[in-house]
Amino acid sequence: MSFAETFKALSDPVRREILEILKNGRLSAGDIAANFDMTQATVSYHLKILKKADLVRETREKNFIYYELNLTVLEEIMVWLSDLKGVN
């Protein structure tokens, strides 16, 4: 994971909204897409960027792919920001 990819992924409001949706638990791409007025392909594009930044993980079960937050990466960002701020 690079912070550049992570911050690029976080720079888009749609991707931030996807992360907000996923904080309640894992969902399929279709369930995520139901929260937006955009095509399934567009949502898949955003999920691909979030996966590349390691902000979400995917799990395949039968014919479905489920997405969930990768809290490890978010914790690393929080630690880095705290260190940058100088908080002990």
N, C-alpha and C. Protein backbone atom coordinates (compact mmCIF):
# COMPACT_ATOMS: atom_id res chain seq x y z
N MET A 1 0.84 -1.18 0.00
CA MET A 1 0.00 0.00 0.00
C MET A 1 0.87 1.23 0.00
N SER A 2 0.55 2.16 -0.86
CA SER A 2 1.24 3.44 -0.82
C SER A 2 0.25 4.51 -0.38
N PHE A 3 0.76 5.45 0.37
CA PHE A 3 -0.12 6.53 0.82
C PHE A 3 -0.65 7.33 -0.37
N ALA A 4 0.14 7.43 -1.45
CA ALA A 4 -0.32 8.17 -2.63
C ALA A 4 -1.60 7.53 -3.19
N GLU A 5 -1.59 6.20 -3.33
CA GLU A 5 -2.79 5.52 -3.83
C GLU A 5 -3.95 5.65 -2.85
N THR A 6 -3.64 5.57 -1.58
CA THR A 6 -4.69 5.68 -0.57
C THR A 6 -5.35 7.05 -0.61
N PHE A 7 -4.54 8.10 -0.63
CA PHE A 7 -5.11 9.45 -0.64
C PHE A 7 -5.81 9.76 -1.96
N LYS A 8 -5.30 9.20 -3.07
CA LYS A 8 -6.00 9.37 -4.35
C LYS A 8 -7.38 8.73 -4.27
N ALA A 9 -7.44 7.54 -3.69
CA ALA A 9 -8.73 6.85 -3.56
C ALA A 9 -9.68 7.64 -2.66
N LEU A 10 -9.14 8.22 -1.60
CA LEU A 10 -9.97 8.97 -0.65
C LEU A 10 -10.39 10.35 -1.17
N SER A 11 -9.76 10.80 -2.24
CA SER A 11 -10.05 12.15 -2.76
C SER A 11 -11.41 12.24 -3.44
N ASP A 12 -11.99 11.13 -3.81
CA ASP A 12 -13.27 11.15 -4.52
C ASP A 12 -14.43 10.98 -3.54
N PRO A 13 -15.44 11.85 -3.62
CA PRO A 13 -16.56 11.76 -2.68
C PRO A 13 -17.38 10.47 -2.81
N VAL A 14 -17.47 9.92 -4.00
CA VAL A 14 -18.21 8.66 -4.18
C VAL A 14 -17.49 7.54 -3.44
N ARG A 15 -16.18 7.49 -3.55
CA ARG A 15 -15.42 6.44 -2.86
C ARG A 15 -15.50 6.61 -1.34
N ARG A 16 -15.49 7.84 -0.88
CA ARG A 16 -15.66 8.06 0.56
C ARG A 16 -17.04 7.60 1.02
N GLU A 17 -18.05 7.82 0.20
CA GLU A 17 -19.40 7.37 0.53
C GLU A 17 -19.47 5.84 0.55
N ILE A 18 -18.78 5.19 -0.37
CA ILE A 18 -18.74 3.73 -0.37
C ILE A 18 -18.13 3.23 0.94
N LEU A 19 -17.06 3.87 1.39
CA LEU A 19 -16.45 3.47 2.67
C LEU A 19 -17.42 3.67 3.82
N GLU A 20 -18.16 4.77 3.79
CA GLU A 20 -19.17 5.01 4.83
C GLU A 20 -20.22 3.90 4.84
N ILE A 21 -20.65 3.50 3.66
CA ILE A 21 -21.65 2.44 3.55
C ILE A 21 -21.10 1.12 4.10
N LEU A 22 -19.83 0.84 3.79
CA LEU A 22 -19.23 -0.42 4.21
C LEU A 22 -18.89 -0.48 5.70
N LYS A 23 -18.91 0.65 6.38
CA LYS A 23 -18.60 0.59 7.81
C LYS A 23 -19.65 -0.18 8.60
N ASN A 24 -20.82 -0.39 7.99
CA ASN A 24 -21.88 -1.16 8.63
C ASN A 24 -21.76 -2.66 8.37
N GLY A 25 -20.79 -3.06 7.55
CA GLY A 25 -20.60 -4.47 7.26
C GLY A 25 -20.42 -4.72 5.78
N ARG A 26 -20.08 -5.94 5.46
CA ARG A 26 -19.79 -6.28 4.07
C ARG A 26 -21.05 -6.30 3.22
N LEU A 27 -20.87 -5.93 1.95
CA LEU A 27 -21.98 -5.88 1.01
C LEU A 27 -21.50 -6.34 -0.36
N SER A 28 -22.45 -6.77 -1.17
CA SER A 28 -22.12 -7.09 -2.56
C SER A 28 -22.06 -5.80 -3.37
N ALA A 29 -21.47 -5.89 -4.55
CA ALA A 29 -21.38 -4.72 -5.41
C ALA A 29 -22.77 -4.20 -5.76
N GLY A 30 -23.70 -5.11 -5.98
CA GLY A 30 -25.07 -4.70 -6.28
C GLY A 30 -25.73 -3.94 -5.14
N ASP A 31 -25.48 -4.40 -3.92
CA ASP A 31 -26.03 -3.70 -2.75
C ASP A 31 -25.41 -2.32 -2.59
N ILE A 32 -24.13 -2.22 -2.89
CA ILE A 32 -23.46 -0.91 -2.83
C ILE A 32 -24.02 0.00 -3.91
N ALA A 33 -24.15 -0.51 -5.12
CA ALA A 33 -24.64 0.28 -6.24
C ALA A 33 -26.06 0.79 -6.01
N ALA A 34 -26.85 0.06 -5.23
CA ALA A 34 -28.24 0.47 -4.97
C ALA A 34 -28.30 1.80 -4.22
N ASN A 35 -27.19 2.20 -3.61
CA ASN A 35 -27.15 3.47 -2.87
C ASN A 35 -26.82 4.67 -3.75
N PHE A 36 -26.56 4.43 -5.03
CA PHE A 36 -26.12 5.50 -5.93
C PHE A 36 -26.96 5.54 -7.20
N ASP A 37 -26.99 6.70 -7.81
CA ASP A 37 -27.65 6.86 -9.10
C ASP A 37 -26.58 6.82 -10.19
N MET A 38 -25.97 5.65 -10.35
CA MET A 38 -24.94 5.44 -11.36
C MET A 38 -24.95 3.98 -11.78
N THR A 39 -24.27 3.69 -12.86
CA THR A 39 -24.28 2.32 -13.37
C THR A 39 -23.46 1.40 -12.47
N GLN A 40 -23.75 0.11 -12.60
CA GLN A 40 -22.99 -0.91 -11.87
C GLN A 40 -21.51 -0.84 -12.27
N ALA A 41 -21.25 -0.55 -13.56
CA ALA A 41 -19.87 -0.46 -14.04
C ALA A 41 -19.11 0.68 -13.36
N THR A 42 -19.78 1.78 -13.14
CA THR A 42 -19.14 2.92 -12.47
C THR A 42 -18.82 2.58 -11.02
N VAL A 43 -19.74 1.93 -10.35
CA VAL A 43 -19.49 1.51 -8.97
C VAL A 43 -18.33 0.51 -8.93
N SER A 44 -18.31 -0.41 -9.87
CA SER A 44 -17.21 -1.38 -9.94
C SER A 44 -15.87 -0.69 -10.15
N TYR A 45 -15.85 0.36 -10.96
CA TYR A 45 -14.63 1.15 -11.16
C TYR A 45 -14.15 1.73 -9.83
N HIS A 46 -15.05 2.32 -9.07
CA HIS A 46 -14.69 2.90 -7.78
C HIS A 46 -14.21 1.82 -6.81
N LEU A 47 -14.86 0.68 -6.81
CA LEU A 47 -14.44 -0.42 -5.94
C LEU A 47 -13.05 -0.92 -6.33
N LYS A 48 -12.76 -0.93 -7.61
CA LYS A 48 -11.43 -1.35 -8.08
C LYS A 48 -10.34 -0.41 -7.53
N ILE A 49 -10.61 0.88 -7.55
CA ILE A 49 -9.64 1.85 -7.01
C ILE A 49 -9.49 1.68 -5.51
N LEU A 50 -10.58 1.46 -4.80
CA LEU A 50 -10.51 1.24 -3.36
C LEU A 50 -9.75 -0.04 -3.03
N LYS A 51 -9.93 -1.08 -3.85
CA LYS A 51 -9.19 -2.33 -3.65
C LYS A 51 -7.70 -2.12 -3.91
N LYS A 52 -7.37 -1.39 -4.97
CA LYS A 52 -5.97 -1.14 -5.30
C LYS A 52 -5.27 -0.39 -4.17
N ALA A 53 -6.01 0.47 -3.50
CA ALA A 53 -5.46 1.23 -2.37
C ALA A 53 -5.53 0.44 -1.07
N ASP A 54 -6.01 -0.78 -1.12
CA ASP A 54 -6.15 -1.66 0.04
C ASP A 54 -7.13 -1.13 1.09
N LEU A 55 -8.03 -0.28 0.67
CA LEU A 55 -9.03 0.23 1.61
C LEU A 55 -10.21 -0.72 1.77
N VAL A 56 -10.42 -1.57 0.78
CA VAL A 56 -11.45 -2.60 0.88
C VAL A 56 -10.88 -3.93 0.44
N ARG A 57 -11.49 -4.99 0.93
CA ARG A 57 -11.15 -6.36 0.53
C ARG A 57 -12.38 -6.98 -0.10
N GLU A 58 -12.12 -7.96 -0.95
CA GLU A 58 -13.24 -8.68 -1.54
C GLU A 58 -13.17 -10.14 -1.18
N THR A 59 -14.35 -10.73 -1.00
CA THR A 59 -14.48 -12.15 -0.71
C THR A 59 -15.47 -12.72 -1.71
N ARG A 60 -15.08 -13.80 -2.35
CA ARG A 60 -15.98 -14.44 -3.32
C ARG A 60 -16.71 -15.60 -2.65
N GLU A 61 -18.03 -15.58 -2.84
CA GLU A 61 -18.87 -16.67 -2.35
C GLU A 61 -19.88 -17.01 -3.43
N LYS A 62 -19.75 -18.20 -3.97
CA LYS A 62 -20.61 -18.65 -5.08
C LYS A 62 -20.53 -17.63 -6.21
N ASN A 63 -21.65 -17.05 -6.58
CA ASN A 63 -21.67 -16.10 -7.70
C ASN A 63 -21.57 -14.64 -7.26
N PHE A 64 -21.27 -14.41 -6.01
CA PHE A 64 -21.25 -13.06 -5.49
C PHE A 64 -19.85 -12.67 -5.01
N ILE A 65 -19.58 -11.39 -5.10
CA ILE A 65 -18.36 -10.83 -4.53
C ILE A 65 -18.81 -9.84 -3.47
N TYR A 66 -18.29 -10.02 -2.26
CA TYR A 66 -18.63 -9.14 -1.15
C TYR A 66 -17.43 -8.25 -0.83
N TYR A 67 -17.73 -7.02 -0.48
CA TYR A 67 -16.69 -6.05 -0.15
C TYR A 67 -16.82 -5.64 1.31
N GLU A 68 -15.66 -5.43 1.94
CA GLU A 68 -15.65 -4.97 3.32
C GLU A 68 -14.45 -4.07 3.53
N LEU A 69 -14.52 -3.24 4.55
CA LEU A 69 -13.42 -2.33 4.87
C LEU A 69 -12.19 -3.11 5.28
N ASN A 70 -11.03 -2.60 4.91
CA ASN A 70 -9.76 -3.12 5.41
C ASN A 70 -9.30 -2.13 6.48
N LEU A 71 -9.64 -2.41 7.72
CA LEU A 71 -9.36 -1.48 8.81
C LEU A 71 -7.86 -1.33 9.09
N THR A 72 -7.07 -2.31 8.70
CA THR A 72 -5.63 -2.23 8.93
C THR A 72 -5.04 -1.01 8.24
N VAL A 73 -5.42 -0.79 6.99
CA VAL A 73 -4.90 0.35 6.24
C VAL A 73 -5.38 1.66 6.87
N LEU A 74 -6.64 1.69 7.27
CA LEU A 74 -7.16 2.90 7.90
C LEU A 74 -6.43 3.19 9.21
N GLU A 75 -6.11 2.15 9.96
CA GLU A 75 -5.36 2.35 11.21
C GLU A 75 -3.95 2.86 10.93
N GLU A 76 -3.30 2.35 9.87
CA GLU A 76 -1.98 2.84 9.50
C GLU A 76 -2.00 4.32 9.15
N ILE A 77 -3.05 4.74 8.45
CA ILE A 77 -3.19 6.16 8.09
C ILE A 77 -3.37 7.00 9.35
N MET A 78 -4.19 6.50 10.27
CA MET A 78 -4.42 7.24 11.52
C MET A 78 -3.13 7.40 12.32
N VAL A 79 -2.35 6.32 12.39
CA VAL A 79 -1.08 6.38 13.11
C VAL A 79 -0.15 7.38 12.44
N TRP A 80 -0.08 7.34 11.12
CA TRP A 80 0.80 8.24 10.38
C TRP A 80 0.38 9.70 10.61
N LEU A 81 -0.92 9.96 10.55
CA LEU A 81 -1.41 11.32 10.78
C LEU A 81 -1.14 11.78 12.21
N SER A 82 -1.29 10.89 13.17
CA SER A 82 -1.01 11.24 14.57
C SER A 82 0.47 11.56 14.75
N ASP A 83 1.33 10.74 14.12
CA ASP A 83 2.77 11.00 14.20
C ASP A 83 3.12 12.33 13.55
N LEU A 84 2.47 12.63 12.44
CA LEU A 84 2.72 13.88 11.73
C LEU A 84 2.31 15.07 12.58
N LYS A 85 1.21 14.92 13.28
CA LYS A 85 0.70 15.98 14.15
C LYS A 85 1.56 16.12 15.41
N GLY A 86 2.23 15.04 15.79
CA GLY A 86 3.05 15.08 16.98
C GLY A 86 2.33 14.63 18.22
N VAL A 87 1.24 13.91 18.05
CA VAL A 87 0.47 13.40 19.19
C VAL A 87 1.11 12.10 19.65
N ASN A 88 1.34 11.97 20.96
CA ASN A 88 1.95 10.74 21.49
C ASN A 88 0.93 9.80 22.02
